[in-house]
């Protein structure tokens, strides 16, 4: 079984060539967080492993908060509130299902043409 890597690269949400690198140093029981601009390290912060629990706690709380939010998809219309809205929704025609035609029709059409061209 392969050994897990001792570093993680995280892209900066602002793009460009910025990223954060976190590297585990077992000999000193530290995780070094370094900020990179391309190939240049612009800052680093060694953090004791015992202090990294604070960062883990922050991440868990953030993920928990996001998981508990109820997101409404932009494609999902809000529930109608008036009788007219409910009637319109009920009478509105249903849209057809979107399918991938290339898998069903285009591939078969190409095979037919290839076979007829080879005769």
PDB file of N, CA and C in Angstrom:
ATOM      1  N   UNK A   1       0.850  -1.184   0.000  1.00  0.00           N
ATOM      2  CA  UNK A   1       0.000   0.000   0.000  1.00  0.00           C
ATOM      3  C   UNK A   1       0.893   1.245   0.000  1.00  0.00           C
ATOM      4  N   UNK A   2       0.543   2.239  -0.835  1.00  0.00           N
ATOM      5  CA  UNK A   2       1.333   3.457  -0.960  1.00  0.00           C
ATOM      6  C   UNK A   2       1.179   4.330   0.279  1.00  0.00           C
ATOM      7  N   UNK A   3       2.270   4.991   0.614  1.00  0.00           N
ATOM      8  CA  UNK A   3       2.258   5.886   1.767  1.00  0.00           C
ATOM      9  C   UNK A   3       1.529   7.180   1.390  1.00  0.00           C
ATOM     10  N   UNK A   4       0.729   7.713   2.312  1.00  0.00           N
ATOM     11  CA  UNK A   4      -0.008   8.953   2.065  1.00  0.00           C
ATOM     12  C   UNK A   4       0.980  10.112   1.934  1.00  0.00           C
ATOM     13  N   UNK A   5       0.711  11.073   1.046  1.00  0.00           N
ATOM     14  CA  UNK A   5       1.612  12.220   0.894  1.00  0.00           C
ATOM     15  C   UNK A   5       1.620  13.067   2.157  1.00  0.00           C
ATOM     16  N   UNK A   6       2.743  13.736   2.400  1.00  0.00           N
ATOM     17  CA  UNK A   6       2.838  14.563   3.603  1.00  0.00           C
ATOM     18  C   UNK A   6       2.554  16.027   3.318  1.00  0.00           C
ATOM     19  N   UNK A   7       2.036  16.328   2.110  1.00  0.00           N
ATOM     20  CA  UNK A   7       1.678  17.718   1.811  1.00  0.00           C
ATOM     21  C   UNK A   7       0.422  17.787   0.955  1.00  0.00           C
ATOM     22  N   UNK A   8      -0.240  18.919   1.093  1.00  0.00           N
ATOM     23  CA  UNK A   8      -1.490  19.178   0.371  1.00  0.00           C
ATOM     24  C   UNK A   8      -1.378  20.554  -0.260  1.00  0.00           C
ATOM     25  N   UNK A   9      -1.819  20.668  -1.508  1.00  0.00           N
ATOM     26  CA  UNK A   9      -1.836  21.946  -2.217  1.00  0.00           C
ATOM     27  C   UNK A   9      -3.283  22.390  -2.368  1.00  0.00           C
ATOM     28  N   UNK A  10      -3.564  23.633  -2.009  1.00  0.00           N
ATOM     29  CA  UNK A  10      -4.912  24.192  -2.127  1.00  0.00           C
ATOM     30  C   UNK A  10      -4.849  25.449  -2.981  1.00  0.00           C
ATOM     31  N   UNK A  11      -5.601  25.458  -4.077  1.00  0.00           N
ATOM     32  CA  UNK A  11      -5.615  26.617  -4.972  1.00  0.00           C
ATOM     33  C   UNK A  11      -6.293  27.795  -4.288  1.00  0.00           C
ATOM     34  N   UNK A  12      -5.765  28.980  -4.541  1.00  0.00           N
ATOM     35  CA  UNK A  12      -6.356  30.220  -4.040  1.00  0.00           C
ATOM     36  C   UNK A  12      -7.592  30.519  -4.879  1.00  0.00           C
ATOM     37  N   UNK A  13      -8.709  30.868  -4.250  1.00  0.00           N
ATOM     38  CA  UNK A  13      -9.950  31.108  -4.996  1.00  0.00           C
ATOM     39  C   UNK A  13      -9.858  32.320  -5.914  1.00  0.00           C
ATOM     40  N   UNK A  14      -8.848  33.166  -5.711  1.00  0.00           N
ATOM     41  CA  UNK A  14      -8.665  34.329  -6.574  1.00  0.00           C
ATOM     42  C   UNK A  14      -8.001  33.959  -7.892  1.00  0.00           C
ATOM     43  N   UNK A  15      -7.577  32.709  -8.016  1.00  0.00           N
ATOM     44  CA  UNK A  15      -6.983  32.258  -9.268  1.00  0.00           C
ATOM     45  C   UNK A  15      -5.508  32.595  -9.367  1.00  0.00           C
ATOM     46  N   UNK A  16      -5.105  32.948 -10.581  1.00  0.00           N
ATOM     47  CA  UNK A  16      -3.693  33.194 -10.913  1.00  0.00           C
ATOM     48  C   UNK A  16      -2.887  31.961 -10.546  1.00  0.00           C
ATOM     49  N   UNK A  17      -1.696  32.145 -10.053  1.00  0.00           N
ATOM     50  CA  UNK A  17      -0.843  31.006  -9.700  1.00  0.00           C
ATOM     51  C   UNK A  17      -0.579  31.025  -8.194  1.00  0.00           C
ATOM     52  N   UNK A  18      -1.600  31.370  -7.414  1.00  0.00           N
ATOM     53  CA  UNK A  18      -1.480  31.447  -5.968  1.00  0.00           C
ATOM     54  C   UNK A  18      -2.032  30.180  -5.341  1.00  0.00           C
ATOM     55  N   UNK A  19      -1.377  29.706  -4.311  1.00  0.00           N
ATOM     56  CA  UNK A  19      -1.895  28.544  -3.602  1.00  0.00           C
ATOM     57  C   UNK A  19      -1.310  28.446  -2.205  1.00  0.00           C
ATOM     58  N   UNK A  20      -1.964  27.630  -1.391  1.00  0.00           N
ATOM     59  CA  UNK A  20      -1.522  27.337  -0.038  1.00  0.00           C
ATOM     60  C   UNK A  20      -1.005  25.907  -0.044  1.00  0.00           C
ATOM     61  N   UNK A  21       0.130  25.721   0.599  1.00  0.00           N
ATOM     62  CA  UNK A  21       0.669  24.367   0.735  1.00  0.00           C
ATOM     63  C   UNK A  21       0.759  24.065   2.218  1.00  0.00           C
ATOM     64  N   UNK A  22       0.211  22.939   2.616  1.00  0.00           N
ATOM     65  CA  UNK A  22       0.318  22.490   4.009  1.00  0.00           C
ATOM     66  C   UNK A  22       1.191  21.236   4.001  1.00  0.00           C
ATOM     67  N   UNK A  23       2.249  21.260   4.802  1.00  0.00           N
ATOM     68  CA  UNK A  23       3.200  20.146   4.835  1.00  0.00           C
ATOM     69  C   UNK A  23       3.354  19.629   6.257  1.00  0.00           C
ATOM     70  N   UNK A  24       3.225  18.331   6.422  1.00  0.00           N
ATOM     71  CA  UNK A  24       3.375  17.657   7.716  1.00  0.00           C
ATOM     72  C   UNK A  24       4.851  17.326   7.918  1.00  0.00           C
ATOM     73  N   UNK A  25       5.382  17.747   9.087  1.00  0.00           N
ATOM     74  CA  UNK A  25       6.759  17.463   9.475  1.00  0.00           C
ATOM     75  C   UNK A  25       6.732  16.611  10.740  1.00  0.00           C
ATOM     76  N   UNK A  26       6.796  15.279  10.601  1.00  0.00           N
ATOM     77  CA  UNK A  26       6.676  14.397  11.774  1.00  0.00           C
ATOM     78  C   UNK A  26       7.817  14.550  12.772  1.00  0.00           C
ATOM     79  N   UNK A  27       9.005  14.906  12.293  1.00  0.00           N
ATOM     80  CA  UNK A  27      10.146  15.039  13.205  1.00  0.00           C
ATOM     81  C   UNK A  27       9.965  16.162  14.223  1.00  0.00           C
ATOM     82  N   UNK A  28       9.202  17.206  13.863  1.00  0.00           N
ATOM     83  CA  UNK A  28       8.964  18.320  14.784  1.00  0.00           C
ATOM     84  C   UNK A  28       7.501  18.409  15.221  1.00  0.00           C
ATOM     85  N   UNK A  29       6.680  17.476  14.778  1.00  0.00           N
ATOM     86  CA  UNK A  29       5.235  17.473  15.081  1.00  0.00           C
ATOM     87  C   UNK A  29       4.593  18.807  14.734  1.00  0.00           C
ATOM     88  N   UNK A  30       4.908  19.292  13.527  1.00  0.00           N
ATOM     89  CA  UNK A  30       4.326  20.555  13.061  1.00  0.00           C
ATOM     90  C   UNK A  30       3.733  20.383  11.667  1.00  0.00           C
ATOM     91  N   UNK A  31       2.794  21.248  11.374  1.00  0.00           N
ATOM     92  CA  UNK A  31       2.277  21.398  10.021  1.00  0.00           C
ATOM     93  C   UNK A  31       2.651  22.811   9.606  1.00  0.00           C
ATOM     94  N   UNK A  32       3.356  22.921   8.479  1.00  0.00           N
ATOM     95  CA  UNK A  32       3.769  24.233   7.982  1.00  0.00           C
ATOM     96  C   UNK A  32       2.799  24.650   6.883  1.00  0.00           C
ATOM     97  N   UNK A  33       2.162  25.803   7.089  1.00  0.00           N
ATOM     98  CA  UNK A  33       1.274  26.386   6.087  1.00  0.00           C
ATOM     99  C   UNK A  33       2.083  27.452   5.352  1.00  0.00           C
ATOM    100  N   UNK A  34       2.280  27.258   4.057  1.00  0.00           N
ATOM    101  CA  UNK A  34       3.071  28.219   3.284  1.00  0.00           C
ATOM    102  C   UNK A  34       2.245  28.755   2.126  1.00  0.00           C
ATOM    103  N   UNK A  35       2.416  30.043   1.874  1.00  0.00           N
ATOM    104  CA  UNK A  35       1.701  30.730   0.792  1.00  0.00           C
ATOM    105  C   UNK A  35       2.649  30.866  -0.385  1.00  0.00           C
ATOM    106  N   UNK A  36       2.173  30.463  -1.562  1.00  0.00           N
ATOM    107  CA  UNK A  36       3.013  30.443  -2.746  1.00  0.00           C
ATOM    108  C   UNK A  36       2.423  31.299  -3.851  1.00  0.00           C
ATOM    109  N   UNK A  37       3.297  32.013  -4.532  1.00  0.00           N
ATOM    110  CA  UNK A  37       2.961  32.768  -5.732  1.00  0.00           C
ATOM    111  C   UNK A  37       3.822  32.170  -6.831  1.00  0.00           C
ATOM    112  N   UNK A  38       3.240  31.242  -7.563  1.00  0.00           N
ATOM    113  CA  UNK A  38       4.020  30.502  -8.554  1.00  0.00           C
ATOM    114  C   UNK A  38       5.027  29.611  -7.844  1.00  0.00           C
ATOM    115  N   UNK A  39       6.290  29.808  -8.148  1.00  0.00           N
ATOM    116  CA  UNK A  39       7.361  29.006  -7.557  1.00  0.00           C
ATOM    117  C   UNK A  39       8.000  29.685  -6.340  1.00  0.00           C
ATOM    118  N   UNK A  40       7.437  30.821  -5.909  1.00  0.00           N
ATOM    119  CA  UNK A  40       8.031  31.599  -4.818  1.00  0.00           C
ATOM    120  C   UNK A  40       7.188  31.496  -3.560  1.00  0.00           C
ATOM    121  N   UNK A  41       7.810  31.058  -2.465  1.00  0.00           N
ATOM    122  CA  UNK A  41       7.136  31.026  -1.169  1.00  0.00           C
ATOM    123  C   UNK A  41       7.164  32.442  -0.606  1.00  0.00           C
ATOM    124  N   UNK A  42       5.995  33.023  -0.366  1.00  0.00           N
ATOM    125  CA  UNK A  42       5.930  34.405   0.113  1.00  0.00           C
ATOM    126  C   UNK A  42       5.706  34.504   1.616  1.00  0.00           C
ATOM    127  N   UNK A  43       5.289  33.400   2.251  1.00  0.00           N
ATOM    128  CA  UNK A  43       5.107  33.392   3.708  1.00  0.00           C
ATOM    129  C   UNK A  43       4.911  31.958   4.169  1.00  0.00           C
ATOM    130  N   UNK A  44       5.321  31.706   5.420  1.00  0.00           N
ATOM    131  CA  UNK A  44       5.069  30.375   5.987  1.00  0.00           C
ATOM    132  C   UNK A  44       4.791  30.513   7.470  1.00  0.00           C
ATOM    133  N   UNK A  45       3.955  29.590   7.975  1.00  0.00           N
ATOM    134  CA  UNK A  45       3.613  29.575   9.391  1.00  0.00           C
ATOM    135  C   UNK A  45       3.640  28.140   9.883  1.00  0.00           C
ATOM    136  N   UNK A  46       4.648  27.794  10.713  1.00  0.00           N
ATOM    137  CA  UNK A  46       4.646  26.459  11.309  1.00  0.00           C
ATOM    138  C   UNK A  46       3.655  26.431  12.475  1.00  0.00           C
ATOM    139  N   UNK A  47       2.818  25.396  12.511  1.00  0.00           N
ATOM    140  CA  UNK A  47       1.806  25.274  13.554  1.00  0.00           C
ATOM    141  C   UNK A  47       2.013  23.932  14.257  1.00  0.00           C
ATOM    142  N   UNK A  48       2.065  23.978  15.600  1.00  0.00           N
ATOM    143  CA  UNK A  48       2.198  22.740  16.368  1.00  0.00           C
ATOM    144  C   UNK A  48       0.980  21.864  16.127  1.00  0.00           C
ATOM    145  N   UNK A  49       1.204  20.584  16.052  1.00  0.00           N
ATOM    146  CA  UNK A  49       0.112  19.654  15.789  1.00  0.00           C
ATOM    147  C   UNK A  49      -1.002  19.803  16.824  1.00  0.00           C
ATOM    148  N   UNK A  50      -0.636  20.056  18.071  1.00  0.00           N
ATOM    149  CA  UNK A  50      -1.654  20.218  19.123  1.00  0.00           C
ATOM    150  C   UNK A  50      -2.510  21.461  18.896  1.00  0.00           C
ATOM    151  N   UNK A  51      -1.945  22.496  18.251  1.00  0.00           N
ATOM    152  CA  UNK A  51      -2.721  23.704  17.955  1.00  0.00           C
ATOM    153  C   UNK A  51      -3.573  23.558  16.699  1.00  0.00           C
ATOM    154  N   UNK A  52      -3.243  22.604  15.856  1.00  0.00           N
ATOM    155  CA  UNK A  52      -4.005  22.437  14.612  1.00  0.00           C
ATOM    156  C   UNK A  52      -5.427  21.964  14.875  1.00  0.00           C
ATOM    157  N   UNK A  53      -5.705  21.475  16.080  1.00  0.00           N
ATOM    158  CA  UNK A  53      -7.071  21.065  16.408  1.00  0.00           C
ATOM    159  C   UNK A  53      -8.032  22.251  16.337  1.00  0.00           C
ATOM    160  N   UNK A  54      -7.519  23.457  16.592  1.00  0.00           N
ATOM    161  CA  UNK A  54      -8.355  24.657  16.490  1.00  0.00           C
ATOM    162  C   UNK A  54      -8.782  24.886  15.040  1.00  0.00           C
ATOM    163  N   UNK A  55      -7.865  24.650  14.120  1.00  0.00           N
ATOM    164  CA  UNK A  55      -8.179  24.800  12.703  1.00  0.00           C
ATOM    165  C   UNK A  55      -9.181  23.728  12.262  1.00  0.00           C
ATOM    166  N   UNK A  56      -8.973  22.517  12.727  1.00  0.00           N
ATOM    167  CA  UNK A  56      -9.895  21.425  12.399  1.00  0.00           C
ATOM    168  C   UNK A  56     -11.286  21.732  12.938  1.00  0.00           C
ATOM    169  N   UNK A  57     -11.354  22.243  14.162  1.00  0.00           N
ATOM    170  CA  UNK A  57     -12.643  22.606  14.761  1.00  0.00           C
ATOM    171  C   UNK A  57     -13.344  23.668  13.914  1.00  0.00           C
ATOM    172  N   UNK A  58     -12.595  24.677  13.460  1.00  0.00           N
ATOM    173  CA  UNK A  58     -13.173  25.732  12.623  1.00  0.00           C
ATOM    174  C   UNK A  58     -13.726  25.148  11.322  1.00  0.00           C
ATOM    175  N   UNK A  59     -12.968  24.251  10.690  1.00  0.00           N
ATOM    176  CA  UNK A  59     -13.413  23.650   9.441  1.00  0.00           C
ATOM    177  C   UNK A  59     -14.656  22.777   9.643  1.00  0.00           C
ATOM    178  N   UNK A  60     -14.679  22.020  10.718  1.00  0.00           N
ATOM    179  CA  UNK A  60     -15.842  21.165  11.002  1.00  0.00           C
ATOM    180  C   UNK A  60     -17.076  22.020  11.253  1.00  0.00           C
ATOM    181  N   UNK A  61     -16.924  23.096  12.020  1.00  0.00           N
ATOM    182  CA  UNK A  61     -18.070  23.975  12.280  1.00  0.00           C
ATOM    183  C   UNK A  61     -18.563  24.626  10.995  1.00  0.00           C
ATOM    184  N   UNK A  62     -17.634  25.053  10.111  1.00  0.00           N
ATOM    185  CA  UNK A  62     -18.020  25.679   8.843  1.00  0.00           C
ATOM    186  C   UNK A  62     -18.760  24.675   7.962  1.00  0.00           C
ATOM    187  N   UNK A  63     -18.240  23.464   7.854  1.00  0.00           N
ATOM    188  CA  UNK A  63     -18.904  22.435   7.047  1.00  0.00           C
ATOM    189  C   UNK A  63     -20.267  22.075   7.616  1.00  0.00           C
ATOM    190  N   UNK A  64     -20.366  22.028   8.939  1.00  0.00           N
ATOM    191  CA  UNK A  64     -21.634  21.718   9.584  1.00  0.00           C
ATOM    192  C   UNK A  64     -22.666  22.812   9.309  1.00  0.00           C
ATOM    193  N   UNK A  65     -22.222  24.060   9.368  1.00  0.00           N
ATOM    194  CA  UNK A  65     -23.129  25.182   9.110  1.00  0.00           C
ATOM    195  C   UNK A  65     -23.641  25.134   7.678  1.00  0.00           C
ATOM    196  N   UNK A  66     -22.768  24.862   6.729  1.00  0.00           N
ATOM    197  CA  UNK A  66     -23.174  24.783   5.324  1.00  0.00           C
ATOM    198  C   UNK A  66     -24.114  23.596   5.105  1.00  0.00           C
ATOM    199  N   UNK A  67     -23.814  22.470   5.734  1.00  0.00           N
ATOM    200  CA  UNK A  67     -24.647  21.270   5.561  1.00  0.00           C
ATOM    201  C   UNK A  67     -26.052  21.482   6.112  1.00  0.00           C
ATOM    202  N   UNK A  68     -26.188  22.324   7.119  1.00  0.00           N
ATOM    203  CA  UNK A  68     -27.497  22.558   7.729  1.00  0.00           C
ATOM    204  C   UNK A  68     -28.329  23.599   6.995  1.00  0.00           C
ATOM    205  N   UNK A  69     -27.709  24.333   6.073  1.00  0.00           N
ATOM    206  CA  UNK A  69     -28.462  25.321   5.296  1.00  0.00           C
ATOM    207  C   UNK A  69     -29.309  24.603   4.267  1.00  0.00           C
ATOM    208  N   UNK A  70     -30.434  25.199   3.949  1.00  0.00           N
ATOM    209  CA  UNK A  70     -31.290  24.646   2.892  1.00  0.00           C
ATOM    210  C   UNK A  70     -31.143  25.545   1.678  1.00  0.00           C
ATOM    211  N   UNK A  71     -30.555  24.979   0.643  1.00  0.00           N
ATOM    212  CA  UNK A  71     -30.353  25.743  -0.578  1.00  0.00           C
ATOM    213  C   UNK A  71     -31.498  25.495  -1.532  1.00  0.00           C
ATOM    214  N   UNK A  72     -31.946  26.559  -2.203  1.00  0.00           N
ATOM    215  CA  UNK A  72     -32.978  26.445  -3.219  1.00  0.00           C
ATOM    216  C   UNK A  72     -32.266  26.579  -4.554  1.00  0.00           C
ATOM    217  N   UNK A  73     -32.437  25.585  -5.393  1.00  0.00           N
ATOM    218  CA  UNK A  73     -31.827  25.606  -6.717  1.00  0.00           C
ATOM    219  C   UNK A  73     -32.421  26.753  -7.515  1.00  0.00           C
ATOM    220  N   UNK A  74     -31.600  27.466  -8.301  1.00  0.00           N
ATOM    221  CA  UNK A  74     -32.145  28.552  -9.117  1.00  0.00           C
ATOM    222  C   UNK A  74     -33.184  28.055 -10.119  1.00  0.00           C
ATOM    223  N   UNK A  75     -33.102  26.783 -10.495  1.00  0.00           N
ATOM    224  CA  UNK A  75     -34.060  26.236 -11.452  1.00  0.00           C
ATOM    225  C   UNK A  75     -35.385  25.884 -10.787  1.00  0.00           C
ATOM    226  N   UNK A  76     -35.401  25.786  -9.469  1.00  0.00           N
ATOM    227  CA  UNK A  76     -36.612  25.433  -8.744  1.00  0.00           C
ATOM    228  C   UNK A  76     -37.418  26.687  -8.444  1.00  0.00           C
ATOM    229  N   UNK A  77     -38.611  26.717  -8.946  1.00  0.00           N
ATOM    230  CA  UNK A  77     -39.474  27.875  -8.711  1.00  0.00           C
ATOM    231  C   UNK A  77     -40.059  27.793  -7.310  1.00  0.00           C
ATOM    232  N   UNK A  78     -40.279  28.933  -6.676  1.00  0.00           N
ATOM    233  CA  UNK A  78     -40.918  28.906  -5.363  1.00  0.00           C
ATOM    234  C   UNK A  78     -42.349  28.390  -5.476  1.00  0.00           C
ATOM    235  N   UNK A  79     -42.831  27.804  -4.415  1.00  0.00           N
ATOM    236  CA  UNK A  79     -44.190  27.256  -4.407  1.00  0.00           C
ATOM    237  C   UNK A  79     -45.190  28.384  -4.617  1.00  0.00           C
ATOM    238  N   UNK A  80     -46.191  28.151  -5.471  1.00  0.00           N
ATOM    239  CA  UNK A  80     -47.203  29.181  -5.720  1.00  0.00           C
ATOM    240  C   UNK A  80     -47.957  29.509  -4.436  1.00  0.00           C
ATOM    241  N   UNK A  81     -48.303  30.765  -4.299  1.00  0.00           N
ATOM    242  CA  UNK A  81     -48.967  31.185  -3.073  1.00  0.00           C
ATOM    243  C   UNK A  81     -50.438  31.536  -3.280  1.00  0.00           C
ATOM    244  N   UNK A  82     -50.805  31.930  -4.505  1.00  0.00           N
ATOM    245  CA  UNK A  82     -52.202  32.300  -4.723  1.00  0.00           C
ATOM    246  C   UNK A  82     -52.916  31.210  -5.506  1.00  0.00           C
ATOM    247  N   UNK A  83     -54.236  31.267  -5.518  1.00  0.00           N
ATOM    248  CA  UNK A  83     -55.031  30.276  -6.261  1.00  0.00           C
ATOM    249  C   UNK A  83     -54.729  30.362  -7.751  1.00  0.00           C
ATOM    250  N   UNK A  84     -54.549  31.565  -8.282  1.00  0.00           N
ATOM    251  CA  UNK A  84     -54.224  31.751  -9.707  1.00  0.00           C
ATOM    252  C   UNK A  84     -52.869  31.117 -10.022  1.00  0.00           C
ATOM    253  N   UNK A  85     -51.873  31.319  -9.150  1.00  0.00           N
ATOM    254  CA  UNK A  85     -50.544  30.726  -9.363  1.00  0.00           C
ATOM    255  C   UNK A  85     -50.621  29.200  -9.373  1.00  0.00           C
ATOM    256  N   UNK A  86     -51.384  28.642  -8.437  1.00  0.00           N
ATOM    257  CA  UNK A  86     -51.526  27.181  -8.381  1.00  0.00           C
ATOM    258  C   UNK A  86     -52.218  26.652  -9.641  1.00  0.00           C
ATOM    259  N   UNK A  87     -53.231  27.371 -10.119  1.00  0.00           N
ATOM    260  CA  UNK A  87     -53.949  26.973 -11.331  1.00  0.00           C
ATOM    261  C   UNK A  87     -53.028  27.047 -12.545  1.00  0.00           C
ATOM    262  N   UNK A  88     -52.261  28.133 -12.672  1.00  0.00           N
ATOM    263  CA  UNK A  88     -51.308  28.255 -13.786  1.00  0.00           C
ATOM    264  C   UNK A  88     -50.302  27.109 -13.782  1.00  0.00           C
ATOM    265  N   UNK A  89     -49.798  26.796 -12.610  1.00  0.00           N
ATOM    266  CA  UNK A  89     -48.802  25.723 -12.507  1.00  0.00           C
ATOM    267  C   UNK A  89     -49.404  24.379 -12.928  1.00  0.00           C
ATOM    268  N   UNK A  90     -50.646  24.148 -12.534  1.00  0.00           N
ATOM    269  CA  UNK A  90     -51.302  22.875 -12.863  1.00  0.00           C
ATOM    270  C   UNK A  90     -51.591  22.782 -14.362  1.00  0.00           C
ATOM    271  N   UNK A  91     -51.942  23.894 -15.011  1.00  0.00           N
ATOM    272  CA  UNK A  91     -52.297  23.884 -16.432  1.00  0.00           C
ATOM    273  C   UNK A  91     -51.091  24.034 -17.359  1.00  0.00           C
ATOM    274  N   UNK A  92     -49.954  24.445 -16.829  1.00  0.00           N
ATOM    275  CA  UNK A  92     -48.759  24.624 -17.654  1.00  0.00           C
ATOM    276  C   UNK A  92     -48.330  23.275 -18.234  1.00  0.00           C
ATOM    277  N   UNK A  93     -48.039  23.229 -19.550  1.00  0.00           N
ATOM    278  CA  UNK A  93     -47.616  21.961 -20.148  1.00  0.00           C
ATOM    279  C   UNK A  93     -46.268  21.499 -19.580  1.00  0.00           C
ATOM    280  N   UNK A  94     -46.135  20.195 -19.487  1.00  0.00           N
ATOM    281  CA  UNK A  94     -44.891  19.608 -18.989  1.00  0.00           C
ATOM    282  C   UNK A  94     -43.847  19.639 -20.104  1.00  0.00           C
ATOM    283  N   UNK A  95     -42.597  19.852 -19.740  1.00  0.00           N
ATOM    284  CA  UNK A  95     -41.521  19.861 -20.720  1.00  0.00           C
ATOM    285  C   UNK A  95     -41.085  18.440 -21.029  1.00  0.00           C
ATOM    286  N   UNK A  96     -40.621  18.240 -22.221  1.00  0.00           N
ATOM    287  CA  UNK A  96     -40.141  16.920 -22.623  1.00  0.00           C
ATOM    288  C   UNK A  96     -38.833  16.598 -21.908  1.00  0.00           C
ATOM    289  N   UNK A  97     -38.583  15.315 -21.728  1.00  0.00           N
ATOM    290  CA  UNK A  97     -37.352  14.858 -21.094  1.00  0.00           C
ATOM    291  C   UNK A  97     -36.193  15.052 -22.071  1.00  0.00           C
ATOM    292  N   UNK A  98     -35.065  15.549 -21.570  1.00  0.00           N
ATOM    293  CA  UNK A  98     -33.875  15.725 -22.388  1.00  0.00           C
ATOM    294  C   UNK A  98     -33.083  14.431 -22.344  1.00  0.00           C
ATOM    295  N   UNK A  99     -32.709  13.937 -23.536  1.00  0.00           N
ATOM    296  CA  UNK A  99     -31.940  12.698 -23.609  1.00  0.00           C
ATOM    297  C   UNK A  99     -30.668  12.936 -24.406  1.00  0.00           C
ATOM    298  N   UNK A 100     -29.696  12.041 -24.286  1.00  0.00           N
ATOM    299  CA  UNK A 100     -28.466  12.101 -25.046  1.00  0.00           C
ATOM    300  C   UNK A 100     -28.678  11.333 -26.339  1.00  0.00           C
ATOM    301  N   UNK A 101     -28.943  12.057 -27.416  1.00  0.00           N
ATOM    302  CA  UNK A 101     -29.250  11.424 -28.693  1.00  0.00           C
ATOM    303  C   UNK A 101     -28.008  10.823 -29.346  1.00  0.00           C
ATOM    304  N   UNK A 102     -26.843  11.308 -29.012  1.00  0.00           N
ATOM    305  CA  UNK A 102     -25.637  10.797 -29.666  1.00  0.00           C
ATOM    306  C   UNK A 102     -25.436   9.316 -29.391  1.00  0.00           C
ATOM    307  N   UNK A 103     -25.770   8.864 -28.203  1.00  0.00           N
ATOM    308  CA  UNK A 103     -25.566   7.463 -27.860  1.00  0.00           C
ATOM    309  C   UNK A 103     -26.577   6.566 -28.571  1.00  0.00           C
ATOM    310  N   UNK A 104     -27.794   7.050 -28.806  1.00  0.00           N
ATOM    311  CA  UNK A 104     -28.834   6.206 -29.383  1.00  0.00           C
ATOM    312  C   UNK A 104     -28.919   6.302 -30.910  1.00  0.00           C
ATOM    313  N   UNK A 105     -28.771   7.501 -31.465  1.00  0.00           N
ATOM    314  CA  UNK A 105     -29.067   7.689 -32.874  1.00  0.00           C
ATOM    315  C   UNK A 105     -27.844   7.982 -33.736  1.00  0.00           C
ATOM    316  N   UNK A 106     -26.978   8.838 -33.279  1.00  0.00           N
ATOM    317  CA  UNK A 106     -25.850   9.257 -34.116  1.00  0.00           C
ATOM    318  C   UNK A 106     -24.879   8.111 -34.353  1.00  0.00           C
ATOM    319  N   UNK A 107     -24.547   7.356 -33.312  1.00  0.00           N
ATOM    320  CA  UNK A 107     -23.619   6.241 -33.479  1.00  0.00           C
ATOM    321  C   UNK A 107     -24.186   5.214 -34.451  1.00  0.00           C
ATOM    322  N   UNK A 108     -25.467   4.906 -34.357  1.00  0.00           N
ATOM    323  CA  UNK A 108     -26.089   3.942 -35.256  1.00  0.00           C
ATOM    324  C   UNK A 108     -26.086   4.485 -36.678  1.00  0.00           C
ATOM    325  N   UNK A 109     -26.332   5.760 -36.857  1.00  0.00           N
ATOM    326  CA  UNK A 109     -26.322   6.373 -38.185  1.00  0.00           C
ATOM    327  C   UNK A 109     -24.948   6.302 -38.824  1.00  0.00           C
ATOM    328  N   UNK A 110     -23.903   6.513 -38.061  1.00  0.00           N
ATOM    329  CA  UNK A 110     -22.545   6.421 -38.595  1.00  0.00           C
ATOM    330  C   UNK A 110     -22.235   5.004 -39.041  1.00  0.00           C
ATOM    331  N   UNK A 111     -22.647   4.024 -38.254  1.00  0.00           N
ATOM    332  CA  UNK A 111     -22.396   2.628 -38.611  1.00  0.00           C
ATOM    333  C   UNK A 111     -23.114   2.266 -39.902  1.00  0.00           C
ATOM    334  N   UNK A 112     -24.369   2.749 -40.070  1.00  0.00           N
ATOM    335  CA  UNK A 112     -25.124   2.469 -41.289  1.00  0.00           C
ATOM    336  C   UNK A 112     -24.424   3.039 -42.495  1.00  0.00           C
ATOM    337  N   UNK A 113     -23.917   4.280 -42.393  1.00  0.00           N
ATOM    338  CA  UNK A 113     -23.233   4.912 -43.510  1.00  0.00           C
ATOM    339  C   UNK A 113     -21.931   4.216 -43.842  1.00  0.00           C
ATOM    340  N   UNK A 114     -21.214   3.790 -42.806  1.00  0.00           N
ATOM    341  CA  UNK A 114     -19.944   3.098 -43.043  1.00  0.00           C
ATOM    342  C   UNK A 114     -20.189   1.790 -43.753  1.00  0.00           C
ATOM    343  N   UNK A 115     -21.223   1.052 -43.351  1.00  0.00           N
ATOM    344  CA  UNK A 115     -21.505  -0.240 -43.971  1.00  0.00           C
ATOM    345  C   UNK A 115     -21.967  -0.063 -45.417  1.00  0.00           C
ATOM    346  N   UNK A 116     -22.837   0.949 -45.684  1.00  0.00           N
ATOM    347  CA  UNK A 116     -23.327   1.132 -47.040  1.00  0.00           C
ATOM    348  C   UNK A 116     -22.235   1.663 -47.951  1.00  0.00           C
ATOM    349  N   UNK A 117     -21.286   2.421 -47.423  1.00  0.00           N
ATOM    350  CA  UNK A 117     -20.188   2.952 -48.221  1.00  0.00           C
ATOM    351  C   UNK A 117     -19.172   1.902 -48.573  1.00  0.00           C
ATOM    352  N   UNK A 118     -19.106   0.820 -47.814  1.00  0.00           N
ATOM    353  CA  UNK A 118     -18.107  -0.211 -48.068  1.00  0.00           C
ATOM    354  C   UNK A 118     -18.583  -1.257 -49.052  1.00  0.00           C
ATOM    355  N   UNK A 119     -19.828  -1.186 -49.511  1.00  0.00           N
ATOM    356  CA  UNK A 119     -20.369  -2.187 -50.438  1.00  0.00           C
ATOM    357  C   UNK A 119     -19.912  -1.955 -51.838  1.00  0.00           C
TER     358      UNK A 119
END
